[in-house]
Amino acid sequence: MTEEEPLKYQSLLAIHARKMQLNKEIQRSEQKIKTTWDSIFHPKADPVPNTPAQRFLSLASSSVGLIDGALLGWKLYKKFIHK
């Protein structure tokens, strides 16, 4: 079956069957696009820490990130302001 050559249907039943087939293909494509879209633009939320150890590690990680940022800011300040 080529794009230039139109299909020749013998009955309304054949047209209806082809229409149903195309509708199913469109629905599958839409579902695949929706799944891909959601995975790209709606990332999964980080799980909430359940145990005290997980909560402590999460807090420690955030604290280390803040300290690291503060040190970087201080170094940049000294480098560019106090030449």
PDB file of N, CA and C in Angstrom:
ATOM      1  N   MET A   1       0.856  -1.172   0.000  1.00  0.00           N
ATOM      2  CA  MET A   1       0.000   0.000   0.000  1.00  0.00           C
ATOM      3  C   MET A   1       0.899   1.231   0.000  1.00  0.00           C
ATOM      4  N   THR A   2       0.741   2.099  -0.970  1.00  0.00           N
ATOM      5  CA  THR A   2       1.536   3.319  -1.068  1.00  0.00           C
ATOM      6  C   THR A   2       0.662   4.526  -0.788  1.00  0.00           C
ATOM      7  N   GLU A   3       1.330   5.652  -0.534  1.00  0.00           N
ATOM      8  CA  GLU A   3       0.602   6.886  -0.230  1.00  0.00           C
ATOM      9  C   GLU A   3      -0.106   7.445  -1.466  1.00  0.00           C
ATOM     10  N   GLU A   4       0.461   7.236  -2.643  1.00  0.00           N
ATOM     11  CA  GLU A   4      -0.126   7.795  -3.853  1.00  0.00           C
ATOM     12  C   GLU A   4      -1.383   7.047  -4.292  1.00  0.00           C
ATOM     13  N   GLU A   5      -1.410   5.783  -3.989  1.00  0.00           N
ATOM     14  CA  GLU A   5      -2.514   4.934  -4.453  1.00  0.00           C
ATOM     15  C   GLU A   5      -3.566   4.808  -3.346  1.00  0.00           C
ATOM     16  N   PRO A   6      -4.760   5.347  -3.549  1.00  0.00           N
ATOM     17  CA  PRO A   6      -5.792   5.245  -2.500  1.00  0.00           C
ATOM     18  C   PRO A   6      -6.303   3.805  -2.379  1.00  0.00           C
ATOM     19  N   LEU A   7      -6.739   3.481  -1.155  1.00  0.00           N
ATOM     20  CA  LEU A   7      -7.307   2.156  -0.925  1.00  0.00           C
ATOM     21  C   LEU A   7      -8.677   2.052  -1.585  1.00  0.00           C
ATOM     22  N   LYS A   8      -8.984   0.875  -2.053  1.00  0.00           N
ATOM     23  CA  LYS A   8     -10.310   0.641  -2.634  1.00  0.00           C
ATOM     24  C   LYS A   8     -11.060  -0.309  -1.710  1.00  0.00           C
ATOM     25  N   TYR A   9     -12.128   0.209  -1.137  1.00  0.00           N
ATOM     26  CA  TYR A   9     -12.928  -0.576  -0.211  1.00  0.00           C
ATOM     27  C   TYR A   9     -14.105  -1.194  -0.958  1.00  0.00           C
ATOM     28  N   GLN A  10     -14.464  -2.401  -0.553  1.00  0.00           N
ATOM     29  CA  GLN A  10     -15.548  -3.122  -1.198  1.00  0.00           C
ATOM     30  C   GLN A  10     -16.879  -2.944  -0.473  1.00  0.00           C
ATOM     31  N   SER A  11     -16.812  -2.540   0.818  1.00  0.00           N
ATOM     32  CA  SER A  11     -18.069  -2.413   1.562  1.00  0.00           C
ATOM     33  C   SER A  11     -17.906  -1.392   2.685  1.00  0.00           C
ATOM     34  N   LEU A  12     -19.055  -1.020   3.242  1.00  0.00           N
ATOM     35  CA  LEU A  12     -19.030  -0.111   4.389  1.00  0.00           C
ATOM     36  C   LEU A  12     -18.388  -0.777   5.599  1.00  0.00           C
ATOM     37  N   LEU A  13     -18.523  -2.091   5.701  1.00  0.00           N
ATOM     38  CA  LEU A  13     -17.919  -2.836   6.807  1.00  0.00           C
ATOM     39  C   LEU A  13     -16.392  -2.730   6.750  1.00  0.00           C
ATOM     40  N   ALA A  14     -15.819  -2.805   5.562  1.00  0.00           N
ATOM     41  CA  ALA A  14     -14.371  -2.669   5.407  1.00  0.00           C
ATOM     42  C   ALA A  14     -13.915  -1.263   5.784  1.00  0.00           C
ATOM     43  N   ILE A  15     -14.688  -0.254   5.427  1.00  0.00           N
ATOM     44  CA  ILE A  15     -14.364   1.127   5.791  1.00  0.00           C
ATOM     45  C   ILE A  15     -14.423   1.296   7.300  1.00  0.00           C
ATOM     46  N   HIS A  16     -15.459   0.730   7.912  1.00  0.00           N
ATOM     47  CA  HIS A  16     -15.612   0.827   9.364  1.00  0.00           C
ATOM     48  C   HIS A  16     -14.455   0.117  10.075  1.00  0.00           C
ATOM     49  N   ALA A  17     -14.062  -1.049   9.588  1.00  0.00           N
ATOM     50  CA  ALA A  17     -12.962  -1.793  10.205  1.00  0.00           C
ATOM     51  C   ALA A  17     -11.660  -0.990  10.113  1.00  0.00           C
ATOM     52  N   ARG A  18     -11.405  -0.382   8.968  1.00  0.00           N
ATOM     53  CA  ARG A  18     -10.200   0.424   8.797  1.00  0.00           C
ATOM     54  C   ARG A  18     -10.224   1.648   9.721  1.00  0.00           C
ATOM     55  N   LYS A  19     -11.393   2.251   9.862  1.00  0.00           N
ATOM     56  CA  LYS A  19     -11.538   3.407  10.741  1.00  0.00           C
ATOM     57  C   LYS A  19     -11.233   3.010  12.185  1.00  0.00           C
ATOM     58  N   MET A  20     -11.732   1.874  12.613  1.00  0.00           N
ATOM     59  CA  MET A  20     -11.488   1.404  13.976  1.00  0.00           C
ATOM     60  C   MET A  20      -9.995   1.117  14.178  1.00  0.00           C
ATOM     61  N   GLN A  21      -9.365   0.542  13.174  1.00  0.00           N
ATOM     62  CA  GLN A  21      -7.938   0.239  13.258  1.00  0.00           C
ATOM     63  C   GLN A  21      -7.131   1.538  13.398  1.00  0.00           C
ATOM     64  N   LEU A  22      -7.457   2.524  12.598  1.00  0.00           N
ATOM     65  CA  LEU A  22      -6.755   3.804  12.669  1.00  0.00           C
ATOM     66  C   LEU A  22      -6.987   4.500  14.010  1.00  0.00           C
ATOM     67  N   ASN A  23      -8.205   4.407  14.535  1.00  0.00           N
ATOM     68  CA  ASN A  23      -8.493   5.006  15.846  1.00  0.00           C
ATOM     69  C   ASN A  23      -7.644   4.363  16.939  1.00  0.00           C
ATOM     70  N   LYS A  24      -7.482   3.040  16.896  1.00  0.00           N
ATOM     71  CA  LYS A  24      -6.650   2.353  17.891  1.00  0.00           C
ATOM     72  C   LYS A  24      -5.200   2.784  17.771  1.00  0.00           C
ATOM     73  N   GLU A  25      -4.701   2.932  16.557  1.00  0.00           N
ATOM     74  CA  GLU A  25      -3.320   3.383  16.353  1.00  0.00           C
ATOM     75  C   GLU A  25      -3.123   4.802  16.887  1.00  0.00           C
ATOM     76  N   ILE A  26      -4.094   5.657  16.646  1.00  0.00           N
ATOM     77  CA  ILE A  26      -4.021   7.041  17.143  1.00  0.00           C
ATOM     78  C   ILE A  26      -4.026   7.052  18.666  1.00  0.00           C
ATOM     79  N   GLN A  27      -4.864   6.251  19.288  1.00  0.00           N
ATOM     80  CA  GLN A  27      -4.934   6.203  20.752  1.00  0.00           C
ATOM     81  C   GLN A  27      -3.622   5.696  21.335  1.00  0.00           C
ATOM     82  N   ARG A  28      -3.008   4.673  20.709  1.00  0.00           N
ATOM     83  CA  ARG A  28      -1.717   4.164  21.178  1.00  0.00           C
ATOM     84  C   ARG A  28      -0.649   5.247  21.062  1.00  0.00           C
ATOM     85  N   SER A  29      -0.662   5.977  19.950  1.00  0.00           N
ATOM     86  CA  SER A  29       0.317   7.050  19.759  1.00  0.00           C
ATOM     87  C   SER A  29       0.118   8.157  20.785  1.00  0.00           C
ATOM     88  N   GLU A  30      -1.120   8.537  21.030  1.00  0.00           N
ATOM     89  CA  GLU A  30      -1.402   9.574  22.021  1.00  0.00           C
ATOM     90  C   GLU A  30      -0.950   9.143  23.413  1.00  0.00           C
ATOM     91  N   GLN A  31      -1.167   7.884  23.761  1.00  0.00           N
ATOM     92  CA  GLN A  31      -0.757   7.387  25.068  1.00  0.00           C
ATOM     93  C   GLN A  31       0.767   7.396  25.187  1.00  0.00           C
ATOM     94  N   LYS A  32       1.448   7.010  24.128  1.00  0.00           N
ATOM     95  CA  LYS A  32       2.910   7.011  24.141  1.00  0.00           C
ATOM     96  C   LYS A  32       3.444   8.435  24.280  1.00  0.00           C
ATOM     97  N   ILE A  33       2.847   9.386  23.569  1.00  0.00           N
ATOM     98  CA  ILE A  33       3.264  10.783  23.665  1.00  0.00           C
ATOM     99  C   ILE A  33       3.006  11.315  25.072  1.00  0.00           C
ATOM    100  N   LYS A  34       1.843  10.983  25.643  1.00  0.00           N
ATOM    101  CA  LYS A  34       1.516  11.444  26.992  1.00  0.00           C
ATOM    102  C   LYS A  34       2.495  10.893  28.015  1.00  0.00           C
ATOM    103  N   THR A  35       2.835   9.617  27.893  1.00  0.00           N
ATOM    104  CA  THR A  35       3.775   8.998  28.819  1.00  0.00           C
ATOM    105  C   THR A  35       5.146   9.660  28.714  1.00  0.00           C
ATOM    106  N   THR A  36       5.595   9.888  27.484  1.00  0.00           N
ATOM    107  CA  THR A  36       6.882  10.532  27.282  1.00  0.00           C
ATOM    108  C   THR A  36       6.867  11.954  27.824  1.00  0.00           C
ATOM    109  N   TRP A  37       5.817  12.694  27.545  1.00  0.00           N
ATOM    110  CA  TRP A  37       5.683  14.071  28.024  1.00  0.00           C
ATOM    111  C   TRP A  37       5.744  14.119  29.545  1.00  0.00           C
ATOM    112  N   ASP A  38       4.975  13.232  30.197  1.00  0.00           N
ATOM    113  CA  ASP A  38       4.959  13.218  31.655  1.00  0.00           C
ATOM    114  C   ASP A  38       6.320  12.859  32.233  1.00  0.00           C
ATOM    115  N   SER A  39       7.020  11.925  31.604  1.00  0.00           N
ATOM    116  CA  SER A  39       8.323  11.531  32.138  1.00  0.00           C
ATOM    117  C   SER A  39       9.354  12.640  31.969  1.00  0.00           C
ATOM    118  N   ILE A  40       9.195  13.487  30.947  1.00  0.00           N
ATOM    119  CA  ILE A  40      10.155  14.567  30.722  1.00  0.00           C
ATOM    120  C   ILE A  40       9.829  15.782  31.583  1.00  0.00           C
ATOM    121  N   PHE A  41       8.585  16.223  31.589  1.00  0.00           N
ATOM    122  CA  PHE A  41       8.230  17.490  32.210  1.00  0.00           C
ATOM    123  C   PHE A  41       7.616  17.376  33.598  1.00  0.00           C
ATOM    124  N   HIS A  42       7.331  16.183  34.056  1.00  0.00           N
ATOM    125  CA  HIS A  42       6.789  16.000  35.404  1.00  0.00           C
ATOM    126  C   HIS A  42       7.630  14.943  36.120  1.00  0.00           C
ATOM    127  N   PRO A  43       8.815  15.321  36.594  1.00  0.00           N
ATOM    128  CA  PRO A  43       9.678  14.332  37.237  1.00  0.00           C
ATOM    129  C   PRO A  43       9.049  13.804  38.524  1.00  0.00           C
ATOM    130  N   LYS A  44       9.432  12.619  38.860  1.00  0.00           N
ATOM    131  CA  LYS A  44       8.924  11.998  40.083  1.00  0.00           C
ATOM    132  C   LYS A  44       9.429  12.770  41.300  1.00  0.00           C
ATOM    133  N   ALA A  45       8.584  12.914  42.285  1.00  0.00           N
ATOM    134  CA  ALA A  45       8.959  13.604  43.513  1.00  0.00           C
ATOM    135  C   ALA A  45       9.908  12.715  44.314  1.00  0.00           C
ATOM    136  N   ASP A  46      10.832  13.364  45.018  1.00  0.00           N
ATOM    137  CA  ASP A  46      11.745  12.605  45.859  1.00  0.00           C
ATOM    138  C   ASP A  46      10.950  11.946  46.986  1.00  0.00           C
ATOM    139  N   PRO A  47      11.301  10.714  47.303  1.00  0.00           N
ATOM    140  CA  PRO A  47      10.566  10.052  48.389  1.00  0.00           C
ATOM    141  C   PRO A  47      10.871  10.716  49.728  1.00  0.00           C
ATOM    142  N   VAL A  48       9.882  10.741  50.587  1.00  0.00           N
ATOM    143  CA  VAL A  48      10.026  11.319  51.922  1.00  0.00           C
ATOM    144  C   VAL A  48      10.822  10.332  52.772  1.00  0.00           C
ATOM    145  N   PRO A  49      11.846  10.811  53.487  1.00  0.00           N
ATOM    146  CA  PRO A  49      12.621   9.897  54.333  1.00  0.00           C
ATOM    147  C   PRO A  49      11.727   9.269  55.404  1.00  0.00           C
ATOM    148  N   ASN A  50      11.832   7.960  55.550  1.00  0.00           N
ATOM    149  CA  ASN A  50      10.953   7.252  56.473  1.00  0.00           C
ATOM    150  C   ASN A  50      11.588   7.012  57.835  1.00  0.00           C
ATOM    151  N   THR A  51      12.861   6.702  57.847  1.00  0.00           N
ATOM    152  CA  THR A  51      13.511   6.364  59.116  1.00  0.00           C
ATOM    153  C   THR A  51      14.275   7.571  59.643  1.00  0.00           C
ATOM    154  N   PRO A  52      14.579   7.575  60.931  1.00  0.00           N
ATOM    155  CA  PRO A  52      15.368   8.681  61.489  1.00  0.00           C
ATOM    156  C   PRO A  52      16.738   8.810  60.822  1.00  0.00           C
ATOM    157  N   ALA A  53      17.346   7.696  60.469  1.00  0.00           N
ATOM    158  CA  ALA A  53      18.661   7.747  59.824  1.00  0.00           C
ATOM    159  C   ALA A  53      18.558   8.437  58.458  1.00  0.00           C
ATOM    160  N   GLN A  54      17.505   8.141  57.701  1.00  0.00           N
ATOM    161  CA  GLN A  54      17.322   8.784  56.400  1.00  0.00           C
ATOM    162  C   GLN A  54      17.079  10.275  56.557  1.00  0.00           C
ATOM    163  N   ARG A  55      16.302  10.649  57.560  1.00  0.00           N
ATOM    164  CA  ARG A  55      16.046  12.066  57.809  1.00  0.00           C
ATOM    165  C   ARG A  55      17.334  12.786  58.186  1.00  0.00           C
ATOM    166  N   PHE A  56      18.158  12.147  59.027  1.00  0.00           N
ATOM    167  CA  PHE A  56      19.426  12.742  59.432  1.00  0.00           C
ATOM    168  C   PHE A  56      20.355  12.908  58.233  1.00  0.00           C
ATOM    169  N   LEU A  57      20.442  11.884  57.382  1.00  0.00           N
ATOM    170  CA  LEU A  57      21.300  11.971  56.200  1.00  0.00           C
ATOM    171  C   LEU A  57      20.819  13.059  55.249  1.00  0.00           C
ATOM    172  N   SER A  58      19.523  13.205  55.101  1.00  0.00           N
ATOM    173  CA  SER A  58      18.973  14.254  54.246  1.00  0.00           C
ATOM    174  C   SER A  58      19.314  15.629  54.796  1.00  0.00           C
ATOM    175  N   LEU A  59      19.185  15.814  56.095  1.00  0.00           N
ATOM    176  CA  LEU A  59      19.524  17.073  56.738  1.00  0.00           C
ATOM    177  C   LEU A  59      21.015  17.364  56.603  1.00  0.00           C
ATOM    178  N   ALA A  60      21.854  16.356  56.812  1.00  0.00           N
ATOM    179  CA  ALA A  60      23.303  16.536  56.704  1.00  0.00           C
ATOM    180  C   ALA A  60      23.685  16.919  55.279  1.00  0.00           C
ATOM    181  N   SER A  61      23.075  16.270  54.305  1.00  0.00           N
ATOM    182  CA  SER A  61      23.374  16.579  52.909  1.00  0.00           C
ATOM    183  C   SER A  61      22.994  18.017  52.571  1.00  0.00           C
ATOM    184  N   SER A  62      21.838  18.459  53.020  1.00  0.00           N
ATOM    185  CA  SER A  62      21.415  19.846  52.787  1.00  0.00           C
ATOM    186  C   SER A  62      22.354  20.826  53.476  1.00  0.00           C
ATOM    187  N   SER A  63      22.766  20.510  54.693  1.00  0.00           N
ATOM    188  CA  SER A  63      23.658  21.394  55.447  1.00  0.00           C
ATOM    189  C   SER A  63      25.009  21.522  54.761  1.00  0.00           C
ATOM    190  N   VAL A  64      25.553  20.409  54.298  1.00  0.00           N
ATOM    191  CA  VAL A  64      26.838  20.439  53.609  1.00  0.00           C
ATOM    192  C   VAL A  64      26.727  21.267  52.335  1.00  0.00           C
ATOM    193  N   GLY A  65      25.612  21.157  51.617  1.00  0.00           N
ATOM    194  CA  GLY A  65      25.405  21.961  50.423  1.00  0.00           C
ATOM    195  C   GLY A  65      25.375  23.444  50.731  1.00  0.00           C
ATOM    196  N   LEU A  66      24.705  23.828  51.824  1.00  0.00           N
ATOM    197  CA  LEU A  66      24.664  25.237  52.235  1.00  0.00           C
ATOM    198  C   LEU A  66      26.044  25.756  52.612  1.00  0.00           C
ATOM    199  N   ILE A  67      26.787  24.958  53.376  1.00  0.00           N
ATOM    200  CA  ILE A  67      28.137  25.372  53.779  1.00  0.00           C
ATOM    201  C   ILE A  67      29.033  25.515  52.563  1.00  0.00           C
ATOM    202  N   ASP A  68      28.947  24.583  51.647  1.00  0.00           N
ATOM    203  CA  ASP A  68      29.745  24.640  50.425  1.00  0.00           C
ATOM    204  C   ASP A  68      29.423  25.899  49.627  1.00  0.00           C
ATOM    205  N   GLY A  69      28.158  26.223  49.495  1.00  0.00           N
ATOM    206  CA  GLY A  69      27.753  27.439  48.782  1.00  0.00           C
ATOM    207  C   GLY A  69      28.265  28.690  49.471  1.00  0.00           C
ATOM    208  N   ALA A  70      28.205  28.717  50.801  1.00  0.00           N
ATOM    209  CA  ALA A  70      28.684  29.880  51.553  1.00  0.00           C
ATOM    210  C   ALA A  70      30.193  30.043  51.368  1.00  0.00           C
ATOM    211  N   LEU A  71      30.936  28.950  51.426  1.00  0.00           N
ATOM    212  CA  LEU A  71      32.386  29.034  51.226  1.00  0.00           C
ATOM    213  C   LEU A  71      32.725  29.515  49.817  1.00  0.00           C
ATOM    214  N   LEU A  72      32.021  29.023  48.823  1.00  0.00           N
ATOM    215  CA  LEU A  72      32.258  29.463  47.454  1.00  0.00           C
ATOM    216  C   LEU A  72      31.961  30.958  47.320  1.00  0.00           C
ATOM    217  N   GLY A  73      30.868  31.405  47.900  1.00  0.00           N
ATOM    218  CA  GLY A  73      30.534  32.826  47.867  1.00  0.00           C
ATOM    219  C   GLY A  73      31.599  33.676  48.541  1.00  0.00           C
ATOM    220  N   TRP A  74      32.102  33.209  49.691  1.00  0.00           N
ATOM    221  CA  TRP A  74      33.139  33.958  50.402  1.00  0.00           C
ATOM    222  C   TRP A  74      34.429  34.037  49.571  1.00  0.00           C
ATOM    223  N   LYS A  75      34.827  32.925  48.962  1.00  0.00           N
ATOM    224  CA  LYS A  75      36.033  32.912  48.125  1.00  0.00           C
ATOM    225  C   LYS A  75      35.874  33.851  46.933  1.00  0.00           C
ATOM    226  N   LEU A  76      34.729  33.840  46.294  1.00  0.00           N
ATOM    227  CA  LEU A  76      34.506  34.732  45.157  1.00  0.00           C
ATOM    228  C   LEU A  76      34.499  36.192  45.603  1.00  0.00           C
ATOM    229  N   TYR A  77      33.905  36.452  46.744  1.00  0.00           N
ATOM    230  CA  TYR A  77      33.873  37.812  47.287  1.00  0.00           C
ATOM    231  C   TYR A  77      35.287  38.316  47.515  1.00  0.00           C
ATOM    232  N   LYS A  78      36.114  37.495  48.175  1.00  0.00           N
ATOM    233  CA  LYS A  78      37.495  37.903  48.449  1.00  0.00           C
ATOM    234  C   LYS A  78      38.295  38.080  47.173  1.00  0.00           C
ATOM    235  N   LYS A  79      38.042  37.240  46.180  1.00  0.00           N
ATOM    236  CA  LYS A  79      38.801  37.303  44.941  1.00  0.00           C
ATOM    237  C   LYS A  79      38.478  38.574  44.138  1.00  0.00           C
ATOM    238  N   PHE A  80      37.218  38.945  44.045  1.00  0.00           N
ATOM    239  CA  PHE A  80      36.830  40.056  43.195  1.00  0.00           C
ATOM    240  C   PHE A  80      36.741  41.404  43.907  1.00  0.00           C
ATOM    241  N   ILE A  81      36.515  41.411  45.199  1.00  0.00           N
ATOM    242  CA  ILE A  81      36.358  42.664  45.928  1.00  0.00           C
ATOM    243  C   ILE A  81      37.693  43.117  46.527  1.00  0.00           C
ATOM    244  N   HIS A  82      38.438  42.218  47.103  1.00  0.00           N
ATOM    245  CA  HIS A  82      39.699  42.545  47.775  1.00  0.00           C
ATOM    246  C   HIS A  82      40.877  42.165  46.890  1.00  0.00           C
ATOM    247  N   LYS A  83      41.070  42.870  45.816  1.00  0.00           N
ATOM    248  CA  LYS A  83      42.212  42.563  44.933  1.00  0.00           C
ATOM    249  C   LYS A  83      43.469  43.136  45.482  1.00  0.00           C
TER     250      LYS A  83
END
